[in-house]
Protein backbone atom coordinates (compact mmCIF):
# COMPACT_ATOMS: atom_id res chain seq x y z
CA MET A 1 -11.34 -13.43 2.16
CA ILE A 2 -9.08 -12.26 4.97
CA GLY A 3 -9.68 -13.44 8.49
CA LEU A 4 -9.17 -15.93 11.26
CA GLN A 5 -8.81 -19.62 10.44
CA ILE A 6 -10.57 -21.82 12.95
CA SER A 7 -11.98 -25.36 13.01
CA VAL A 8 -15.35 -26.34 14.40
CA GLY A 9 -14.80 -27.98 17.77
CA ALA A 10 -11.51 -26.17 18.41
CA THR A 11 -13.13 -23.94 21.03
CA GLY A 12 -15.22 -26.61 22.70
CA ARG A 13 -18.40 -25.10 21.31
CA GLY A 14 -19.66 -28.03 19.26
CA THR A 15 -18.27 -30.84 17.15
CA MET A 16 -18.24 -31.70 13.48
CA ALA A 17 -19.40 -35.01 12.08
CA GLU A 18 -16.78 -37.02 10.20
CA SER A 19 -19.17 -37.45 7.28
CA LEU A 20 -21.90 -35.02 6.37
CA THR A 21 -25.09 -35.88 4.56
CA ARG A 22 -26.89 -32.57 5.09
CA ALA A 23 -26.17 -28.97 6.01
CA GLN A 24 -25.60 -28.50 9.73
CA LEU A 25 -25.56 -25.52 12.06
CA ALA A 26 -22.23 -24.83 13.78
CA ARG A 27 -21.16 -22.25 16.34
CA LEU A 28 -17.63 -20.84 16.51
CA CYS A 29 -16.34 -18.61 19.31
CA PHE A 30 -12.98 -16.88 19.48
CA PRO A 31 -11.53 -13.95 21.49
CA SER A 32 -12.84 -10.59 20.29
CA SER A 33 -9.20 -9.44 20.02
CA ALA A 34 -8.74 -11.98 17.20
CA LYS A 35 -11.51 -10.45 15.08
CA PRO A 36 -10.19 -9.12 11.77
CA PRO A 37 -9.33 -5.45 12.48
CA GLY A 38 -11.51 -2.71 11.07
CA VAL A 39 -14.39 -5.10 10.50
CA GLY A 40 -17.74 -4.90 12.32
CA LEU A 41 -19.78 -7.93 13.32
CA GLU A 42 -22.30 -7.05 10.62
CA SER A 43 -19.57 -7.51 8.00
CA LEU A 44 -18.30 -10.92 9.11
CA ASP A 45 -18.67 -13.93 6.88
CA VAL A 46 -17.66 -17.59 7.06
CA ASP A 47 -16.04 -19.47 4.23
CA PRO A 48 -17.00 -22.14 3.33
CA GLY A 49 -20.45 -21.76 4.80
CA ARG A 50 -23.35 -19.35 5.25
CA LEU A 51 -23.38 -17.00 8.24
CA VAL A 52 -26.57 -17.03 10.30
CA ASN A 53 -25.67 -14.78 13.23
CA ALA A 54 -22.68 -13.01 14.84
CA GLU A 55 -22.64 -11.58 18.36
CA LEU A 56 -20.38 -10.59 21.26
CA GLU A 57 -20.55 -12.88 24.26
CA ARG A 58 -18.40 -12.33 27.39
CA GLY A 59 -15.37 -11.01 25.51
CA ALA A 60 -15.71 -13.45 22.61
CA VAL A 61 -17.09 -13.19 19.10
CA CYS A 62 -19.47 -16.04 18.41
CA VAL A 63 -20.72 -16.84 14.93
CA GLU A 64 -23.40 -19.33 13.95
CA PHE A 65 -23.26 -20.64 10.41
CA VAL A 66 -24.45 -23.45 8.21
CA PHE A 67 -21.73 -25.71 6.84
CA THR A 68 -21.83 -28.59 4.38
CA GLU A 69 -18.26 -29.86 4.45
CA PRO A 70 -15.73 -30.62 7.18
CA GLY A 71 -12.46 -28.76 7.49
CA THR A 72 -11.07 -25.43 8.59
CA PHE A 73 -13.21 -22.33 8.23
CA VAL A 74 -12.14 -18.72 7.76
CA VAL A 75 -14.09 -16.09 9.67
CA GLY A 76 -13.47 -12.83 7.90
CA THR A 77 -14.79 -10.36 5.39
CA GLY A 78 -14.85 -9.52 1.73
CA THR A 79 -13.80 -6.19 0.20
CA LYS A 80 -15.11 -2.80 1.35
CA PRO A 81 -15.68 0.56 -0.36
CA VAL A 82 -13.01 3.20 0.00
CA ILE A 83 -13.89 5.54 2.88
CA PRO A 84 -14.86 9.08 1.79
CA GLU A 85 -11.82 10.71 3.42
CA LEU A 86 -9.49 8.64 1.23
CA ALA A 87 -11.53 8.31 -1.96
CA THR A 88 -9.95 11.17 -3.93
CA TYR A 89 -6.38 10.22 -3.00
CA TYR A 90 -7.04 6.54 -3.70
CA ALA A 91 -8.42 7.31 -7.18
CA SER A 92 -5.72 9.84 -8.08
CA THR A 93 -2.87 7.46 -7.19
CA GLY A 94 -4.04 4.54 -9.30
CA GLY A 95 -6.99 3.22 -7.35
CA GLU A 96 -7.35 -0.53 -7.27
CA LEU A 97 -4.51 -1.02 -9.78
CA THR A 98 -2.09 0.43 -7.20
CA TRP A 99 -3.59 -0.23 -3.79
CA GLY A 100 -5.77 -3.21 -4.59
CA PRO A 101 -9.29 -3.62 -3.22
CA CYS A 102 -9.86 -2.36 0.31
CA LEU A 103 -10.27 -5.05 2.95
CA THR A 104 -11.59 -3.08 5.93
CA HIS A 105 -13.75 -0.18 6.93
CA GLY A 106 -11.91 2.82 8.31
CA PHE A 107 -10.62 2.28 11.85
CA PHE A 108 -8.05 3.71 14.26
CA ALA A 109 -4.61 2.20 14.84
CA GLU A 110 -1.73 3.09 17.14
CA VAL A 111 1.37 1.64 18.75
CA GLY A 112 0.59 -0.54 21.76
CA SER A 113 2.53 -1.16 24.94
CA ALA A 114 4.30 -4.13 23.35
CA GLY A 115 5.69 -1.87 20.62
CA THR A 116 3.47 -3.34 17.92
CA ILE A 117 0.77 -1.61 15.91
CA VAL A 118 -2.76 -2.52 17.00
CA GLU A 119 -6.38 -1.56 16.43
CA ALA A 120 -7.21 1.35 18.73
CA PRO A 121 -10.26 2.94 20.37
CA THR A 122 -12.09 5.50 18.26
CA GLY A 123 -10.22 8.78 18.20
CA SER A 124 -6.81 7.38 19.14
CA GLY A 125 -3.84 7.25 16.78
CA VAL A 126 -4.43 7.41 13.04
CA TYR A 127 -7.58 6.65 11.06
CA ILE A 128 -6.57 4.04 8.49
CA GLN A 129 -7.97 1.74 5.84
CA VAL A 130 -6.20 -1.45 4.83
CA CYS A 131 -6.20 -2.34 1.14
CA ALA A 132 -4.71 -5.47 -0.38
CA ASN A 133 -1.45 -3.83 -1.47
CA GLY A 134 -0.98 -1.08 1.11
CA VAL A 135 -2.46 0.98 3.92
CA LEU A 136 -3.75 4.56 3.72
CA GLY A 137 -3.99 6.89 6.71
CA TYR A 138 -6.08 9.98 7.38
CA HIS A 139 -4.96 12.61 9.92
CA PRO A 140 -7.99 14.81 10.71
CA GLU A 141 -5.84 17.21 12.75
CA LEU A 142 -4.00 18.08 9.49
CA ALA A 143 -7.14 18.77 7.46
CA GLY A 144 -6.61 21.58 4.96
CA THR A 145 -2.80 21.40 5.03
CA GLY A 146 -2.42 19.01 2.10
CA PHE A 147 -0.83 16.42 4.38
CA GLU A 148 -3.96 14.96 5.94
CA ILE A 149 -3.71 11.80 3.80
CA GLN A 150 -0.50 9.81 4.05
CA PRO A 151 0.21 6.18 3.18
CA VAL A 152 1.17 4.22 6.29
CA LEU A 153 4.75 2.88 6.43
CA ALA A 154 3.28 -0.60 6.09
CA THR A 155 6.41 -2.42 4.95
CA HIS A 156 8.35 -1.18 7.99
CA TRP A 157 5.82 -2.91 10.23
CA VAL A 158 5.48 -6.11 8.22
CA ARG A 159 9.26 -6.59 7.97
CA GLY A 160 9.88 -5.83 11.63
CA GLU A 161 10.89 -8.61 14.01
CA ASN A 162 7.84 -9.84 15.96
CA GLY A 163 5.70 -7.20 14.30
CA ARG A 164 7.67 -4.21 15.59
CA PHE A 165 8.57 -1.22 13.44
CA VAL A 166 11.91 -1.52 11.63
CA GLY A 167 13.80 1.07 9.62
CA PRO A 168 15.41 0.67 6.20
CA ASP A 169 18.13 -1.89 5.61
CA PRO A 170 21.63 -0.49 6.24
CA PRO A 171 22.58 2.05 3.56
CA VAL A 172 24.80 1.01 0.68
CA ALA A 173 27.02 2.92 -1.74
CA ASN A 174 25.69 4.61 -4.84
CA SER A 175 25.97 2.02 -7.61
CA GLY A 176 26.00 4.69 -10.30
CA GLU A 177 23.07 3.00 -12.06
CA GLY A 178 19.55 4.35 -12.12
CA ARG A 179 18.78 6.54 -9.10
CA TYR A 180 20.26 6.66 -5.64
CA PHE A 181 18.10 7.81 -2.71
CA ALA A 182 20.30 9.35 -0.04
CA GLN A 183 17.25 9.63 2.23
CA THR A 184 17.35 5.87 2.84
CA GLY A 185 20.68 4.93 1.24
CA HIS A 186 19.40 2.60 -1.48
CA ASN A 187 19.60 2.24 -5.25
CA LEU A 188 16.79 1.81 -7.72
CA SER A 189 17.35 0.77 -11.33
CA GLY A 190 16.13 -1.24 -14.30
CA ALA A 191 12.58 -2.57 -14.37
CA PHE A 192 12.03 -1.61 -10.74
CA LEU A 193 12.82 2.03 -11.50
CA THR A 194 10.53 1.98 -14.53
CA LYS A 195 7.64 0.63 -12.45
CA PHE A 196 8.40 3.06 -9.62
CA VAL A 197 8.10 6.05 -11.96
CA ALA A 198 4.97 4.66 -13.63
CA LEU A 199 3.22 4.26 -10.26
CA GLY A 200 3.92 7.82 -9.14
CA GLY A 201 7.37 7.61 -7.57
CA VAL A 202 8.09 8.73 -4.02
CA ASP A 203 4.65 10.31 -3.57
CA VAL A 204 3.03 6.87 -3.84
CA LEU A 205 5.66 4.26 -2.96
CA GLY A 206 7.86 6.28 -0.64
CA PHE A 207 11.63 5.75 -0.71
CA PRO A 208 13.23 2.33 -1.30
CA ILE A 209 14.16 0.72 2.02
CA THR A 210 16.10 -2.27 0.60
CA GLU A 211 18.19 -3.19 -2.37
CA THR A 212 16.77 -5.91 -4.62
CA LEU A 213 16.34 -9.18 -2.74
CA ALA A 214 16.06 -12.78 -3.91
CA ALA A 215 12.48 -13.96 -3.28
CA ALA A 216 10.80 -17.20 -4.30
CA PRO A 217 12.75 -19.09 -6.99
CA GLY A 218 12.60 -17.05 -10.19
CA PHE A 219 11.54 -13.80 -8.53
CA THR A 220 13.22 -10.70 -7.10
CA ASP A 221 11.70 -8.27 -4.58
CA GLN A 222 12.34 -4.70 -3.57
CA TYR A 223 10.67 -2.98 -0.62
CA PHE A 224 9.57 0.65 -0.45
CA GLN A 225 8.13 2.53 2.49
CA HIS A 226 4.53 2.02 1.36
CA LEU A 227 4.54 -0.80 -1.19
CA LYS A 228 6.44 -3.91 -2.22
CA LEU A 229 7.40 -4.74 -5.81
CA ARG A 230 8.28 -8.14 -7.28
CA MET A 231 9.94 -8.93 -10.61
CA ASN A 232 9.51 -12.11 -12.60
CA ASP A 233 13.14 -12.85 -13.49
CA ALA A 234 12.18 -14.69 -16.66
CA THR A 235 9.98 -11.97 -18.15
CA GLY A 236 11.26 -8.83 -16.41
CA GLU A 237 7.68 -7.91 -15.48
CA VAL A 238 7.31 -6.05 -12.18
CA SER A 239 4.11 -6.14 -10.16
CA ILE A 240 2.84 -4.92 -6.79
CA ARG A 241 2.69 -7.48 -4.00
CA PRO A 242 -0.20 -7.65 -1.47
CA ILE A 243 1.65 -6.22 1.53
CA GLY A 244 -1.68 -4.94 2.89
CA ARG A 245 -2.90 -8.49 3.43
CA GLU A 246 0.24 -9.22 5.44
CA PHE A 247 -0.31 -6.02 7.42
CA MET A 248 -3.89 -7.01 8.25
CA ALA A 249 -2.85 -10.49 9.35
CA MET A 250 -0.18 -8.89 11.55
CA LEU A 251 -2.75 -6.58 13.16
CA ALA A 252 -5.00 -9.52 13.94
CA ALA A 253 -2.08 -11.43 15.48
CA ASN A 254 -1.08 -8.40 17.56
CA GLY A 255 -4.62 -8.00 18.83
CA GLU A 256 -4.86 -11.68 19.72
CA ALA A 257 -1.60 -11.39 21.66
CA GLY A 258 -3.25 -8.74 23.84
CA ALA A 259 -0.92 -5.84 23.11
CA GLY A 260 -2.26 -2.81 24.96
CA SER A 261 -2.36 0.52 23.18
CA PRO A 262 -1.68 3.87 24.88
CA PRO A 263 -2.30 6.95 22.69
CA ILE A 264 0.57 8.13 20.48
CA PRO A 265 1.07 11.18 18.25
CA ALA A 266 -0.54 10.86 14.80
CA ASP A 267 2.79 10.90 13.02
CA GLY A 268 3.97 7.80 14.87
CA VAL A 269 2.42 5.30 12.46
């Protein structure tokens, strides 16, 4: 589940008993801007617990749910079906094996006044769907051109300072191994190159925007425009990392920070 972590009592709307002997009804309220993006009230859930009701109340989302254990609760949502506009592209580029399960309905996103990407009013910006590993965008104004579906440059947003868009790392010299992408100035070789080709290359991952980077102990990462790959140093196995989950958490944080969102051209995401 992806969503907002909140404790009963944190908003002044009720308290939680130190010890529980039976299920109890709790009420959580939080700013509507902190609601997981691309998720309607009817899709909210509470974990651990059982949702009873969700409603808007004076600029806040309030959920009532039954809980049986103390602690911190996550208000969020499970996975969602791929929206019709993206279904063919999603399936033809590896489906869930590439993009992971989708976490939101389709919704609009754009760049806000603070320079961060935020959920937008219907019809503004780009119509997107966030999946666990990446983000897909639909541009209705390009329908019929073959370019109406484009993966969002999700890693550029996630890696940006304070959630702002950032370009590739500074270009480096051609190492002479594997492939060199002059478009972004980065090399790709070994197991990362093998995985890149297997997943569909530039059409799916975009260009590499970093060299290989040391990650958690025993792992090495490399970022691409649309996806992030990680190698297990011991086995040489390369897998896709859930950059979409990071993107969704960033959107929620941007919304909670109150970043306004004037309209921008569709190709700005």
